Amino acid sequence: MMEEAEHEDGVSPATNGTEESTPPAEANSNFNHTDNNNVSSHPAEATPEVTMETEQGEATPERAGSGPVVVQGNKNPASEKLLRVRKWSITTYKCTRQALSEKLGRGSRTVDLDLERRLELLRDDRQRYENVTKVAQTLANQLAQITVTQKTLGDAFSELKVKTPTLHVEFGLNADAQNFLSKSGESLTEAINTFTSDMNTLVNKTIEDTMINAKKYEAARIEYDAYRVDLEELNMGPRDANTLPKLEAAQQEFQGQKERFQKLRDDLSVKVKLLEENKVKVLHNQLLLLHAAVAAHSLSCHSFLEKNSREAEELLSNSSTDSPSWLEES
């Protein structure tokens, strides 16, 4: 009987002699053990181990019969990246197909009539504002060149005034006129440059920011229509155990695209309204300032020339009569 027990258990049982029983070696330090009294009174039982593989490839020993084991591991970055690439490829394909079908006139598109009309007016206004800004900048550059030329001409008249005593009044009259026109032209040039700078800010920053949002809205609209068309095609097809999961997934994706599209549309609509109000205020102030600068330049030049002409006439009338020519003297 002792031999049979020893053969079945694989461990020698404890005897009543003076020999003490030795506890079995620890199979896993993480497990709890009984006290030495229980070990000495009962035969040691071999503990089988079950090796569990985690997602990182690390083996975790587990006691058999201890119930189900939940293995937690980190997600694989490579698989996540592959899923993102796959989703992006599918979305790109759908959007490209939708855009091509619209250009060929075979696809339907979602249209917000009021928003589309306001965006079209905004694009047209932007083009016209750019043209006005370019022409105004050209005027400022040409006016700056004219003021430099007028100043040079005024210096030449001043030099001739000194070197030609008999015509010092006439040369002085033109020298003062050109110098004043040059200074007044510089002020007008600065005013036009300020106008073009503010117009550039309006066109290339404020309106451009709204146009960027409009492009994002258009991209979201194409993506929304692409998922909408897919959902419509699935709804028109047969419904069975294979198509129902696809239909539910398409419905969820379409709902997400719809919410994103509506949010972008509402944000763009509010931004366009604010831009229209801001545009009117900015243009109102800048156009009045430009007109005031042009009027001040013209009126100041006219007043100075009239005053200068009167002073020259008085000087010429008070001067002595013309001396006879040498032919008369001879």
Protein backbone atom coordinates (compact mmCIF):
# COMPACT_ATOMS: atom_id res chain seq x y z
CA MET A 1 0.00 0.00 0.00
CA MET A 2 2.83 2.39 0.75
CA GLU A 3 4.42 1.65 -2.57
CA GLU A 4 1.16 2.28 -4.43
CA ALA A 5 0.59 5.61 -2.68
CA GLU A 6 4.11 6.65 -3.37
CA HIS A 7 3.74 5.75 -7.02
CA GLU A 8 0.45 7.66 -7.43
CA ASP A 9 1.34 10.83 -5.58
CA GLY A 10 4.94 11.05 -6.60
CA VAL A 11 5.83 12.16 -3.01
CA SER A 12 6.92 9.99 -0.06
CA PRO A 13 4.40 10.11 2.79
CA ALA A 14 5.40 11.04 6.30
CA THR A 15 6.21 8.17 8.70
CA ASN A 16 5.87 7.90 12.44
CA GLY A 17 9.60 7.58 12.99
CA THR A 18 12.09 10.18 14.03
CA GLU A 19 12.60 11.34 10.43
CA GLU A 20 10.97 14.75 9.85
CA SER A 21 9.03 15.40 6.67
CA THR A 22 10.47 18.05 4.38
CA PRO A 23 8.01 20.55 2.81
CA PRO A 24 7.95 20.72 -1.00
CA ALA A 25 9.88 23.39 -2.83
CA GLU A 26 8.00 26.55 -3.69
CA ALA A 27 6.71 26.54 -7.23
CA ASN A 28 5.70 30.20 -7.22
CA SER A 29 6.62 32.77 -4.61
CA ASN A 30 3.40 34.61 -5.22
CA PHE A 31 1.18 31.82 -3.85
CA ASN A 32 0.16 31.48 -0.17
CA HIS A 33 1.31 28.41 1.77
CA THR A 34 0.00 26.57 4.82
CA ASP A 35 1.93 26.36 8.09
CA ASN A 36 4.55 23.73 8.90
CA ASN A 37 2.22 21.69 11.12
CA ASN A 38 -0.12 20.95 8.24
CA VAL A 39 2.78 20.12 6.00
CA SER A 40 4.23 17.63 8.44
CA SER A 41 0.90 15.88 8.99
CA HIS A 42 -0.22 15.55 5.36
CA PRO A 43 1.56 14.50 2.22
CA ALA A 44 2.70 17.32 -0.02
CA GLU A 45 0.70 17.78 -3.19
CA ALA A 46 2.40 18.81 -6.41
CA THR A 47 0.93 22.05 -7.72
CA PRO A 48 0.51 22.08 -11.49
CA GLU A 49 1.08 25.39 -13.29
CA VAL A 50 -0.60 26.89 -16.30
CA THR A 51 1.38 29.37 -18.34
CA MET A 52 -0.60 32.35 -19.69
CA GLU A 53 0.76 34.39 -22.60
CA THR A 54 0.17 38.15 -22.54
CA GLU A 55 0.07 40.41 -25.56
CA GLN A 56 3.67 41.45 -24.92
CA GLY A 57 4.77 37.80 -25.01
CA GLU A 58 5.47 37.55 -21.24
CA ALA A 59 4.51 34.25 -19.57
CA THR A 60 2.46 34.51 -16.38
CA PRO A 61 2.18 31.31 -14.29
CA GLU A 62 -1.28 30.62 -12.96
CA ARG A 63 -2.64 27.90 -10.63
CA ALA A 64 -4.93 25.40 -12.32
CA GLY A 65 -8.54 25.42 -11.26
CA SER A 66 -8.40 29.00 -9.95
CA GLY A 67 -11.06 30.26 -12.37
CA PRO A 68 -10.92 32.47 -15.50
CA VAL A 69 -8.01 34.84 -15.79
CA VAL A 70 -8.31 38.31 -17.36
CA VAL A 71 -5.14 39.28 -19.15
CA GLN A 72 -4.65 43.03 -19.57
CA GLY A 73 -2.10 44.29 -22.04
CA ASN A 74 -1.29 47.54 -23.84
CA LYS A 75 -2.69 48.06 -27.32
CA ASN A 76 -0.34 47.59 -30.19
CA PRO A 77 0.58 50.99 -31.70
CA ALA A 78 1.21 49.41 -35.10
CA SER A 79 -2.31 47.98 -35.27
CA GLU A 80 -3.85 51.30 -34.20
CA LYS A 81 -1.90 53.13 -36.88
CA LEU A 82 -2.99 50.57 -39.45
CA LEU A 83 -6.62 51.08 -38.47
CA ARG A 84 -6.28 54.86 -38.79
CA VAL A 85 -4.70 54.51 -42.22
CA ARG A 86 -7.45 52.15 -43.31
CA LYS A 87 -10.17 54.52 -42.10
CA TRP A 88 -8.49 57.49 -43.78
CA SER A 89 -8.19 55.57 -47.06
CA ILE A 90 -11.86 54.62 -47.04
CA THR A 91 -12.94 58.19 -46.27
CA THR A 92 -10.65 59.63 -48.97
CA TYR A 93 -12.00 57.19 -51.53
CA LYS A 94 -15.60 58.07 -50.68
CA CYS A 95 -14.97 61.81 -50.79
CA THR A 96 -13.09 61.57 -54.11
CA ARG A 97 -15.90 59.55 -55.63
CA GLN A 98 -18.47 62.07 -54.38
CA ALA A 99 -16.52 65.08 -55.70
CA LEU A 100 -16.07 63.46 -59.13
CA SER A 101 -19.74 62.53 -59.37
CA GLU A 102 -20.72 66.12 -58.55
CA LYS A 103 -18.38 67.54 -61.20
CA LEU A 104 -19.73 65.11 -63.77
CA GLY A 105 -23.28 66.07 -62.84
CA ARG A 106 -24.30 62.60 -61.69
CA GLY A 107 -24.26 63.10 -57.92
CA SER A 108 -26.49 64.96 -55.50
CA ARG A 109 -25.14 67.55 -53.10
CA THR A 110 -26.43 69.27 -49.99
CA VAL A 111 -26.93 73.02 -50.50
CA ASP A 112 -27.64 75.80 -48.00
CA LEU A 113 -29.06 78.46 -50.31
CA ASP A 114 -28.71 81.39 -47.93
CA LEU A 115 -25.16 80.54 -46.85
CA GLU A 116 -24.03 79.78 -50.41
CA ARG A 117 -25.38 83.13 -51.62
CA ARG A 118 -23.57 85.06 -48.89
CA LEU A 119 -20.31 83.20 -49.54
CA GLU A 120 -20.55 83.97 -53.25
CA LEU A 121 -21.08 87.67 -52.50
CA LEU A 122 -18.14 87.58 -50.11
CA ARG A 123 -15.87 86.07 -52.76
CA ASP A 124 -16.94 88.72 -55.27
CA ASP A 125 -16.39 91.53 -52.76
CA ARG A 126 -12.99 90.17 -51.88
CA GLN A 127 -11.92 90.23 -55.51
CA ARG A 128 -13.10 93.82 -55.92
CA TYR A 129 -11.40 94.92 -52.69
CA GLU A 130 -8.15 93.37 -53.87
CA ASN A 131 -8.40 95.35 -57.10
CA VAL A 132 -9.07 98.60 -55.21
CA THR A 133 -6.12 97.94 -52.92
CA LYS A 134 -3.74 97.33 -55.85
CA VAL A 135 -4.85 100.51 -57.64
CA ALA A 136 -4.55 102.57 -54.45
CA GLN A 137 -1.05 101.18 -53.84
CA THR A 138 -0.09 102.08 -57.42
CA LEU A 139 -1.38 105.61 -56.85
CA ALA A 140 0.64 105.91 -53.63
CA ASN A 141 3.82 104.74 -55.37
CA GLN A 142 3.37 107.11 -58.28
CA LEU A 143 2.50 110.01 -55.98
CA ALA A 144 5.65 109.34 -53.95
CA GLN A 145 7.71 109.58 -57.13
CA ILE A 146 5.94 112.82 -58.08
CA THR A 147 6.68 114.38 -54.70
CA VAL A 148 10.37 113.54 -55.08
CA THR A 149 10.39 115.10 -58.54
CA GLN A 150 8.58 118.21 -57.29
CA LYS A 151 11.08 118.65 -54.49
CA THR A 152 13.97 118.35 -56.94
CA LEU A 153 12.34 120.90 -59.25
CA GLY A 154 11.73 123.27 -56.34
CA ASP A 155 15.42 123.09 -55.34
CA ALA A 156 16.41 123.89 -58.92
CA PHE A 157 14.11 126.94 -58.98
CA SER A 158 15.53 128.12 -55.65
CA GLU A 159 19.05 127.93 -57.00
CA LEU A 160 18.09 129.91 -60.11
CA LYS A 161 16.35 132.47 -57.93
CA VAL A 162 19.65 133.27 -56.28
CA LYS A 163 21.68 133.26 -59.46
CA THR A 164 19.19 135.28 -61.52
CA PRO A 165 18.37 138.54 -59.73
CA THR A 166 16.21 139.86 -62.56
CA LEU A 167 13.88 136.84 -62.27
CA HIS A 168 14.14 136.12 -58.61
CA VAL A 169 10.40 136.77 -58.06
CA GLU A 170 9.31 134.39 -60.81
CA PHE A 171 11.76 131.68 -59.82
CA GLY A 172 10.85 132.11 -56.18
CA LEU A 173 7.13 131.83 -56.99
CA ASN A 174 7.59 128.45 -58.69
CA ALA A 175 10.10 127.21 -56.12
CA ASP A 176 7.67 127.82 -53.25
CA ALA A 177 4.81 126.23 -55.17
CA GLN A 178 6.74 123.02 -55.95
CA ASN A 179 8.09 122.68 -52.44
CA PHE A 180 4.62 123.05 -50.93
CA LEU A 181 3.09 120.57 -53.37
CA SER A 182 5.84 118.10 -52.51
CA LYS A 183 5.18 118.32 -48.77
CA SER A 184 1.43 118.10 -49.21
CA GLY A 185 1.88 115.13 -51.53
CA GLU A 186 3.89 113.33 -48.88
CA SER A 187 1.01 113.69 -46.43
CA LEU A 188 -1.42 112.40 -49.01
CA THR A 189 0.89 109.46 -49.76
CA GLU A 190 0.96 108.49 -46.09
CA ALA A 191 -2.85 108.62 -45.95
CA ILE A 192 -3.15 106.37 -49.03
CA ASN A 193 -0.61 103.93 -47.59
CA THR A 194 -2.66 103.75 -44.39
CA PHE A 195 -5.75 103.03 -46.45
CA THR A 196 -4.03 100.23 -48.41
CA SER A 197 -2.62 98.73 -45.20
CA ASP A 198 -6.06 98.51 -43.60
CA MET A 199 -7.53 97.13 -46.82
CA ASN A 200 -4.83 94.46 -46.92
CA THR A 201 -5.68 93.49 -43.36
CA LEU A 202 -9.36 93.23 -44.25
CA VAL A 203 -8.78 91.22 -47.43
CA ASN A 204 -5.81 89.01 -46.55
CA LYS A 205 -6.53 88.33 -42.87
CA THR A 206 -10.15 88.91 -41.91
CA ILE A 207 -11.82 87.71 -45.11
CA GLU A 208 -9.14 85.08 -45.70
CA ASP A 209 -9.83 83.56 -42.28
CA THR A 210 -13.50 83.23 -43.20
CA MET A 211 -12.57 81.71 -46.56
CA ILE A 212 -10.45 79.08 -44.79
CA ASN A 213 -13.48 78.15 -42.68
CA ALA A 214 -15.56 78.03 -45.86
CA LYS A 215 -13.09 75.52 -47.35
CA LYS A 216 -13.33 73.37 -44.23
CA TYR A 217 -17.12 73.57 -44.47
CA GLU A 218 -17.03 72.49 -48.11
CA ALA A 219 -14.77 69.53 -47.29
CA ALA A 220 -17.12 68.50 -44.47
CA ARG A 221 -20.08 68.87 -46.82
CA ILE A 222 -18.50 66.53 -49.40
CA GLU A 223 -17.69 63.99 -46.69
CA TYR A 224 -21.22 64.23 -45.32
CA ASP A 225 -22.75 63.70 -48.77
CA ALA A 226 -20.43 60.74 -49.41
CA TYR A 227 -21.64 58.94 -46.28
CA ARG A 228 -25.22 59.96 -47.04
CA VAL A 229 -25.05 58.39 -50.49
CA ASP A 230 -23.59 55.19 -49.05
CA LEU A 231 -26.40 54.99 -46.50
CA GLU A 232 -29.03 55.54 -49.20
CA GLU A 233 -27.53 52.76 -51.33
CA LEU A 234 -27.58 50.35 -48.38
CA ASN A 235 -31.19 51.27 -47.58
CA MET A 236 -32.25 50.50 -51.15
CA GLY A 237 -30.53 47.10 -51.11
CA PRO A 238 -31.74 43.83 -49.60
CA ARG A 239 -31.71 43.39 -45.85
CA ASP A 240 -30.43 40.16 -44.39
CA ALA A 241 -28.09 38.96 -41.67
CA ASN A 242 -25.04 40.15 -43.63
CA THR A 243 -26.29 43.62 -44.59
CA LEU A 244 -27.91 44.62 -41.28
CA PRO A 245 -24.57 45.11 -39.41
CA LYS A 246 -23.25 47.14 -42.34
CA LEU A 247 -26.41 49.22 -42.34
CA GLU A 248 -26.13 49.94 -38.62
CA ALA A 249 -22.46 50.90 -38.95
CA ALA A 250 -23.25 53.18 -41.92
CA GLN A 251 -26.05 54.81 -39.92
CA GLN A 252 -23.71 55.56 -37.02
CA GLU A 253 -21.01 56.98 -39.31
CA PHE A 254 -23.57 59.09 -41.15
CA GLN A 255 -24.91 60.49 -37.88
CA GLY A 256 -21.41 61.51 -36.78
CA GLN A 257 -20.73 63.20 -40.12
CA LYS A 258 -24.09 64.97 -39.96
CA GLU A 259 -23.38 66.45 -36.53
CA ARG A 260 -19.92 67.62 -37.61
CA PHE A 261 -21.30 69.15 -40.81
CA GLN A 262 -24.11 70.99 -39.02
CA LYS A 263 -21.70 72.39 -36.43
CA LEU A 264 -19.34 73.74 -39.11
CA ARG A 265 -22.25 75.20 -41.04
CA ASP A 266 -23.63 77.02 -38.01
CA ASP A 267 -20.18 78.36 -37.04
CA LEU A 268 -19.53 79.57 -40.58
CA SER A 269 -22.92 81.25 -40.80
CA VAL A 270 -22.27 83.21 -37.60
CA LYS A 271 -18.77 84.15 -38.75
CA VAL A 272 -20.04 85.45 -42.11
CA LYS A 273 -22.62 87.64 -40.40
CA LEU A 274 -20.02 89.11 -38.05
CA LEU A 275 -17.68 89.69 -40.99
CA GLU A 276 -20.34 91.58 -42.91
CA GLU A 277 -20.92 93.91 -39.99
CA ASN A 278 -17.22 94.42 -39.33
CA LYS A 279 -16.53 94.98 -43.02
CA VAL A 280 -19.04 97.82 -43.22
CA LYS A 281 -17.57 99.56 -40.17
CA VAL A 282 -13.97 99.27 -41.37
CA LEU A 283 -14.73 100.47 -44.91
CA HIS A 284 -16.89 103.33 -43.63
CA ASN A 285 -14.05 104.72 -41.51
CA GLN A 286 -11.28 104.15 -44.05
CA LEU A 287 -13.17 105.67 -46.98
CA LEU A 288 -14.00 108.80 -44.99
CA LEU A 289 -10.37 109.17 -43.89
CA LEU A 290 -9.13 108.75 -47.46
CA HIS A 291 -11.58 111.31 -48.79
CA ALA A 292 -10.64 113.77 -46.04
CA ALA A 293 -6.94 113.38 -46.89
CA VAL A 294 -7.55 113.98 -50.61
CA ALA A 295 -9.76 117.00 -49.87
CA ALA A 296 -7.22 118.47 -47.44
CA HIS A 297 -4.45 118.03 -50.00
CA SER A 298 -6.43 119.69 -52.78
CA LEU A 299 -7.74 122.57 -50.66
CA SER A 300 -4.38 123.32 -49.06
CA CYS A 301 -2.64 123.33 -52.43
CA HIS A 302 -5.31 125.58 -53.93
CA SER A 303 -5.18 128.03 -51.01
CA PHE A 304 -1.39 128.19 -51.05
CA LEU A 305 -1.19 128.73 -54.81
CA GLU A 306 -3.74 131.55 -54.67
CA LYS A 307 -1.90 133.24 -51.82
CA ASN A 308 1.46 132.77 -53.52
CA SER A 309 0.15 134.22 -56.78
CA ARG A 310 -1.19 137.35 -55.06
CA GLU A 311 2.09 137.94 -53.27
CA ALA A 312 4.01 137.56 -56.51
CA GLU A 313 1.73 140.06 -58.28
CA GLU A 314 2.25 142.59 -55.54
CA LEU A 315 6.00 142.19 -55.73
CA LEU A 316 5.98 142.55 -59.50
CA SER A 317 3.72 145.62 -59.39
CA ASN A 318 5.90 147.35 -56.78
CA SER A 319 9.10 146.71 -58.68
CA SER A 320 10.53 149.38 -61.01
CA THR A 321 9.49 149.60 -64.63
CA ASP A 322 11.35 147.52 -67.09
CA SER A 323 14.62 149.03 -68.27
CA PRO A 324 14.81 149.81 -72.02
CA SER A 325 16.54 147.29 -74.22
CA TRP A 326 19.93 148.05 -75.69
CA LEU A 327 18.30 148.47 -79.10
CA GLU A 328 16.19 151.34 -77.76
CA GLU A 329 19.21 152.91 -76.13
CA SER A 330 21.13 152.75 -79.35
